C-alpha atoms as a PDB file:
ATOM      1  CA  UNK A   1     -93.339 -46.220-139.781  1.00  0.00           C
ATOM      2  CA  UNK A   2     -96.665 -44.433-139.876  1.00  0.00           C
ATOM      3  CA  UNK A   3     -98.153 -43.326-136.571  1.00  0.00           C
ATOM      4  CA  UNK A   4    -101.909 -43.048-136.177  1.00  0.00           C
ATOM      5  CA  UNK A   5    -103.755 -41.503-133.253  1.00  0.00           C
ATOM      6  CA  UNK A   6    -107.144 -42.761-132.132  1.00  0.00           C
ATOM      7  CA  UNK A   7    -109.465 -41.264-129.531  1.00  0.00           C
ATOM      8  CA  UNK A   8    -111.398 -43.272-126.972  1.00  0.00           C
ATOM      9  CA  UNK A   9    -113.620 -42.864-123.933  1.00  0.00           C
ATOM     10  CA  UNK A  10    -116.174 -45.112-122.267  1.00  0.00           C
ATOM     11  CA  UNK A  11    -119.049 -46.319-124.424  1.00  0.00           C
ATOM     12  CA  UNK A  12    -117.056 -46.184-127.668  1.00  0.00           C
ATOM     13  CA  UNK A  13    -118.360 -48.409-130.483  1.00  0.00           C
ATOM     14  CA  UNK A  14    -116.201 -51.515-130.155  1.00  0.00           C
ATOM     15  CA  UNK A  15    -116.033 -52.464-133.847  1.00  0.00           C
ATOM     16  CA  UNK A  16    -115.425 -48.889-135.003  1.00  0.00           C
ATOM     17  CA  UNK A  17    -112.242 -48.739-132.941  1.00  0.00           C
ATOM     18  CA  UNK A  18    -110.943 -52.292-133.222  1.00  0.00           C
ATOM     19  CA  UNK A  19    -111.576 -53.070-136.897  1.00  0.00           C
ATOM     20  CA  UNK A  20    -109.592 -50.079-138.238  1.00  0.00           C
ATOM     21  CA  UNK A  21    -107.006 -50.287-135.435  1.00  0.00           C
ATOM     22  CA  UNK A  22    -106.187 -53.896-136.296  1.00  0.00           C
ATOM     23  CA  UNK A  23    -106.235 -53.124-140.036  1.00  0.00           C
ATOM     24  CA  UNK A  24    -103.715 -50.291-139.490  1.00  0.00           C
ATOM     25  CA  UNK A  25    -101.524 -52.539-137.342  1.00  0.00           C
ATOM     26  CA  UNK A  26    -101.594 -55.165-140.120  1.00  0.00           C
ATOM     27  CA  UNK A  27     -99.867 -52.544-142.266  1.00  0.00           C
ATOM     28  CA  UNK A  28     -97.099 -52.424-139.656  1.00  0.00           C
ATOM     29  CA  UNK A  29     -98.145 -49.021-138.372  1.00  0.00           C
ATOM     30  CA  UNK A  30     -98.306 -47.851-134.769  1.00  0.00           C
ATOM     31  CA  UNK A  31    -101.724 -46.905-133.369  1.00  0.00           C
ATOM     32  CA  UNK A  32    -101.747 -44.825-130.193  1.00  0.00           C
ATOM     33  CA  UNK A  33    -104.999 -44.671-128.269  1.00  0.00           C
ATOM     34  CA  UNK A  34    -105.507 -41.368-126.471  1.00  0.00           C
ATOM     35  CA  UNK A  35    -108.148 -40.839-123.815  1.00  0.00           C
ATOM     36  CA  UNK A  36    -108.977 -38.406-121.014  1.00  0.00           C
ATOM     37  CA  UNK A  37    -106.695 -40.519-118.802  1.00  0.00           C
ATOM     38  CA  UNK A  38    -103.790 -42.685-119.971  1.00  0.00           C
ATOM     39  CA  UNK A  39    -103.137 -46.201-118.668  1.00  0.00           C
ATOM     40  CA  UNK A  40    -106.819 -46.629-117.884  1.00  0.00           C
ATOM     41  CA  UNK A  41    -109.092 -49.238-119.425  1.00  0.00           C
ATOM     42  CA  UNK A  42    -112.182 -47.878-121.201  1.00  0.00           C
ATOM     43  CA  UNK A  43    -115.212 -50.040-121.929  1.00  0.00           C
ATOM     44  CA  UNK A  44    -116.896 -50.199-125.308  1.00  0.00           C
ATOM     45  CA  UNK A  45    -120.671 -50.261-125.798  1.00  0.00           C
ATOM     46  CA  UNK A  46    -120.490 -54.035-126.043  1.00  0.00           C
ATOM     47  CA  UNK A  47    -118.017 -54.414-123.170  1.00  0.00           C
ATOM     48  CA  UNK A  48    -114.768 -54.755-125.089  1.00  0.00           C
ATOM     49  CA  UNK A  49    -111.944 -53.128-123.125  1.00  0.00           C
ATOM     50  CA  UNK A  50    -109.374 -50.718-124.546  1.00  0.00           C
ATOM     51  CA  UNK A  51    -106.400 -49.491-122.570  1.00  0.00           C
ATOM     52  CA  UNK A  52    -105.377 -45.937-123.447  1.00  0.00           C
ATOM     53  CA  UNK A  53    -101.671 -45.331-123.812  1.00  0.00           C
ATOM     54  CA  UNK A  54    -101.706 -41.545-123.997  1.00  0.00           C
ATOM     55  CA  UNK A  55    -103.505 -38.716-122.258  1.00  0.00           C
ATOM     56  CA  UNK A  56    -105.420 -36.503-124.704  1.00  0.00           C
ATOM     57  CA  UNK A  57    -104.004 -33.382-123.038  1.00  0.00           C
ATOM     58  CA  UNK A  58    -100.460 -34.507-123.934  1.00  0.00           C
ATOM     59  CA  UNK A  59    -101.051 -35.189-127.643  1.00  0.00           C
ATOM     60  CA  UNK A  60     -98.732 -33.417-130.066  1.00  0.00           C
ATOM     61  CA  UNK A  61    -100.393 -33.768-133.454  1.00  0.00           C
ATOM     62  CA  UNK A  62     -97.084 -33.262-135.271  1.00  0.00           C
ATOM     63  CA  UNK A  63     -96.103 -36.718-133.968  1.00  0.00           C
ATOM     64  CA  UNK A  64     -98.872 -38.424-135.976  1.00  0.00           C
ATOM     65  CA  UNK A  65     -99.720 -39.062-139.616  1.00  0.00           C
ATOM     66  CA  UNK A  66    -103.486 -39.580-139.281  1.00  0.00           C
ATOM     67  CA  UNK A  67    -106.429 -39.545-136.873  1.00  0.00           C
ATOM     68  CA  UNK A  68    -109.064 -42.239-136.280  1.00  0.00           C
ATOM     69  CA  UNK A  69    -112.270 -41.182-134.512  1.00  0.00           C
ATOM     70  CA  UNK A  70    -114.565 -44.108-133.650  1.00  0.00           C
ATOM     71  CA  UNK A  71    -118.231 -43.597-132.908  1.00  0.00           C
ATOM     72  CA  UNK A  72    -120.479 -44.875-130.175  1.00  0.00           C
ATOM     73  CA  UNK A  73    -121.507 -42.500-127.408  1.00  0.00           C
ATOM     74  CA  UNK A  74    -117.929 -41.602-126.458  1.00  0.00           C
ATOM     75  CA  UNK A  75    -117.839 -38.753-129.017  1.00  0.00           C
ATOM     76  CA  UNK A  76    -120.586 -36.931-127.114  1.00  0.00           C
ATOM     77  CA  UNK A  77    -118.276 -36.797-124.081  1.00  0.00           C
ATOM     78  CA  UNK A  78    -115.027 -36.257-125.973  1.00  0.00           C
ATOM     79  CA  UNK A  79    -116.324 -33.237-127.908  1.00  0.00           C
ATOM     80  CA  UNK A  80    -116.563 -31.302-124.635  1.00  0.00           C
ATOM     81  CA  UNK A  81    -112.784 -31.498-124.167  1.00  0.00           C
ATOM     82  CA  UNK A  82    -110.981 -28.472-125.667  1.00  0.00           C
ATOM     83  CA  UNK A  83    -107.905 -30.646-126.257  1.00  0.00           C
ATOM     84  CA  UNK A  84    -109.915 -33.015-128.458  1.00  0.00           C
ATOM     85  CA  UNK A  85    -111.168 -30.063-130.499  1.00  0.00           C
ATOM     86  CA  UNK A  86    -107.612 -28.716-130.802  1.00  0.00           C
ATOM     87  CA  UNK A  87    -106.377 -32.104-132.000  1.00  0.00           C
ATOM     88  CA  UNK A  88    -109.043 -32.348-134.710  1.00  0.00           C
ATOM     89  CA  UNK A  89    -108.468 -28.756-135.831  1.00  0.00           C
ATOM     90  CA  UNK A  90    -104.698 -29.279-136.045  1.00  0.00           C
ATOM     91  CA  UNK A  91    -105.029 -32.504-138.052  1.00  0.00           C
ATOM     92  CA  UNK A  92    -107.428 -30.761-140.414  1.00  0.00           C
ATOM     93  CA  UNK A  93    -105.228 -27.662-140.796  1.00  0.00           C
ATOM     94  CA  UNK A  94    -102.294 -29.957-141.669  1.00  0.00           C
ATOM     95  CA  UNK A  95    -104.509 -31.837-144.181  1.00  0.00           C
ATOM     96  CA  UNK A  96    -103.705 -35.126-142.484  1.00  0.00           C
ATOM     97  CA  UNK A  97    -106.288 -37.914-142.921  1.00  0.00           C
ATOM     98  CA  UNK A  98    -109.120 -37.883-140.395  1.00  0.00           C
ATOM     99  CA  UNK A  99    -111.300 -41.006-140.482  1.00  0.00           C
ATOM    100  CA  UNK A 100    -114.553 -40.789-138.561  1.00  0.00           C
ATOM    101  CA  UNK A 101    -117.573 -43.052-138.421  1.00  0.00           C
ATOM    102  CA  UNK A 102    -121.108 -43.135-137.045  1.00  0.00           C
ATOM    103  CA  UNK A 103    -121.500 -40.700-134.092  1.00  0.00           C
ATOM    104  CA  UNK A 104    -117.870 -39.516-134.387  1.00  0.00           C
ATOM    105  CA  UNK A 105    -119.128 -36.643-136.541  1.00  0.00           C
ATOM    106  CA  UNK A 106    -120.180 -34.946-133.296  1.00  0.00           C
ATOM    107  CA  UNK A 107    -116.515 -34.274-132.548  1.00  0.00           C
ATOM    108  CA  UNK A 108    -115.865 -32.722-135.968  1.00  0.00           C
ATOM    109  CA  UNK A 109    -119.023 -30.617-135.595  1.00  0.00           C
ATOM    110  CA  UNK A 110    -117.820 -29.251-132.260  1.00  0.00           C
ATOM    111  CA  UNK A 111    -114.354 -28.647-133.745  1.00  0.00           C
ATOM    112  CA  UNK A 112    -116.040 -26.449-136.373  1.00  0.00           C
ATOM    113  CA  UNK A 113    -114.432 -28.081-139.412  1.00  0.00           C
ATOM    114  CA  UNK A 114    -117.459 -29.431-141.321  1.00  0.00           C
ATOM    115  CA  UNK A 115    -118.880 -26.222-142.780  1.00  0.00           C
ATOM    116  CA  UNK A 116    -118.749 -26.459-146.577  1.00  0.00           C
ATOM    117  CA  UNK A 117    -117.533 -30.070-146.462  1.00  0.00           C
ATOM    118  CA  UNK A 118    -119.213 -33.289-147.563  1.00  0.00           C
ATOM    119  CA  UNK A 119    -119.458 -36.260-145.197  1.00  0.00           C
ATOM    120  CA  UNK A 120    -121.674 -38.993-143.828  1.00  0.00           C
ATOM    121  CA  UNK A 121    -122.556 -40.372-140.398  1.00  0.00           C
ATOM    122  CA  UNK A 122    -125.203 -42.424-138.713  1.00  0.00           C
ATOM    123  CA  UNK A 123    -128.622 -41.105-139.692  1.00  0.00           C
ATOM    124  CA  UNK A 124    -129.100 -40.346-135.981  1.00  0.00           C
ATOM    125  CA  UNK A 125    -126.876 -37.242-136.266  1.00  0.00           C
ATOM    126  CA  UNK A 126    -127.735 -36.343-139.860  1.00  0.00           C
ATOM    127  CA  UNK A 127    -129.499 -33.130-138.777  1.00  0.00           C
ATOM    128  CA  UNK A 128    -126.544 -32.151-136.571  1.00  0.00           C
ATOM    129  CA  UNK A 129    -124.179 -32.614-139.518  1.00  0.00           C
ATOM    130  CA  UNK A 130    -126.385 -30.557-141.832  1.00  0.00           C
ATOM    131  CA  UNK A 131    -126.862 -27.826-139.220  1.00  0.00           C
ATOM    132  CA  UNK A 132    -123.064 -27.634-138.922  1.00  0.00           C
ATOM    133  CA  UNK A 133    -122.946 -26.703-142.613  1.00  0.00           C
ATOM    134  CA  UNK A 134    -122.013 -30.117-143.955  1.00  0.00           C
ATOM    135  CA  UNK A 135    -123.442 -31.633-147.118  1.00  0.00           C
ATOM    136  CA  UNK A 136    -124.589 -34.993-145.722  1.00  0.00           C
ATOM    137  CA  UNK A 137    -124.739 -38.031-148.013  1.00  0.00           C
ATOM    138  CA  UNK A 138    -126.316 -41.383-147.205  1.00  0.00           C
ATOM    139  CA  UNK A 139    -123.400 -43.371-148.635  1.00  0.00           C
ATOM    140  CA  UNK A 140    -121.193 -46.118-147.136  1.00  0.00           C
ATOM    141  CA  UNK A 141    -118.094 -43.990-147.697  1.00  0.00           C
ATOM    142  CA  UNK A 142    -117.631 -40.274-148.315  1.00  0.00           C
ATOM    143  CA  UNK A 143    -114.217 -38.751-148.912  1.00  0.00           C
ATOM    144  CA  UNK A 144    -113.761 -34.971-148.948  1.00  0.00           C
ATOM    145  CA  UNK A 145    -110.102 -34.024-149.087  1.00  0.00           C
ATOM    146  CA  UNK A 146    -108.541 -35.357-145.895  1.00  0.00           C
ATOM    147  CA  UNK A 147    -111.905 -36.350-144.362  1.00  0.00           C
ATOM    148  CA  UNK A 148    -112.969 -39.994-144.626  1.00  0.00           C
ATOM    149  CA  UNK A 149    -116.393 -40.819-143.216  1.00  0.00           C
ATOM    150  CA  UNK A 150    -118.751 -43.782-142.978  1.00  0.00           C
ATOM    151  CA  UNK A 151    -122.145 -44.433-141.441  1.00  0.00           C
ATOM    152  CA  UNK A 152    -122.091 -47.558-139.258  1.00  0.00           C
ATOM    153  CA  UNK A 153    -120.113 -50.756-138.578  1.00  0.00           C
ATOM    154  CA  UNK A 154    -121.571 -52.333-141.713  1.00  0.00           C
ATOM    155  CA  UNK A 155    -119.442 -49.863-143.718  1.00  0.00           C
ATOM    156  CA  UNK A 156    -116.177 -50.803-141.992  1.00  0.00           C
ATOM    157  CA  UNK A 157    -114.625 -52.737-144.919  1.00  0.00           C
ATOM    158  CA  UNK A 158    -114.734 -49.712-147.277  1.00  0.00           C
ATOM    159  CA  UNK A 159    -113.917 -47.331-144.412  1.00  0.00           C
ATOM    160  CA  UNK A 160    -110.822 -49.278-143.366  1.00  0.00           C
ATOM    161  CA  UNK A 161    -109.546 -49.619-146.930  1.00  0.00           C
ATOM    162  CA  UNK A 162    -110.066 -45.924-147.701  1.00  0.00           C
ATOM    163  CA  UNK A 163    -108.247 -44.900-144.516  1.00  0.00           C
ATOM    164  CA  UNK A 164    -105.264 -47.146-145.297  1.00  0.00           C
ATOM    165  CA  UNK A 165    -105.194 -45.839-148.884  1.00  0.00           C
ATOM    166  CA  UNK A 166    -105.244 -42.214-147.676  1.00  0.00           C
ATOM    167  CA  UNK A 167    -102.332 -42.820-145.316  1.00  0.00           C
ATOM    168  CA  UNK A 168    -100.337 -44.558-148.055  1.00  0.00           C
ATOM    169  CA  UNK A 169    -101.091 -41.663-150.430  1.00  0.00           C
ATOM    170  CA  UNK A 170     -99.213 -39.284-148.130  1.00  0.00           C
ATOM    171  CA  UNK A 171     -95.975 -40.702-149.513  1.00  0.00           C
ATOM    172  CA  UNK A 172     -97.011 -40.450-153.157  1.00  0.00           C
END
């Protein structure tokens, strides 16, 4: 069974967590939601609750096959946590799929893994992405190696499919 890690904090973008999470669970895979505090309920931008089942500080990336980073305003808080940056760096070093959408690019910027890479995000952080050394494209889906990125919730169908495909490709 594949195991996917997702990151959450208050003011996450509800659809950007739940749409891919449910899509991954439809595949029969386990999705663990890690947050600054486990067993706490975090509220999305639109009020949808998400209970974290792991503390970010306790994450062992070797236990997971892929990483999902939803957007919203949670990434602005999460990127200040050195454990979040470690997690992203370790997933990237292992070439495991990292799917990020909208404002989630902030976390990858702070982790220092976007220089020389191609990705997309919400136009609101386009300049941040470019200043981090990323080639930014205004496309619904951009795949660069293990990085899978999309702009906004409207791109979720192609984002979810690409993430599932990337996880399945690990066995090929």
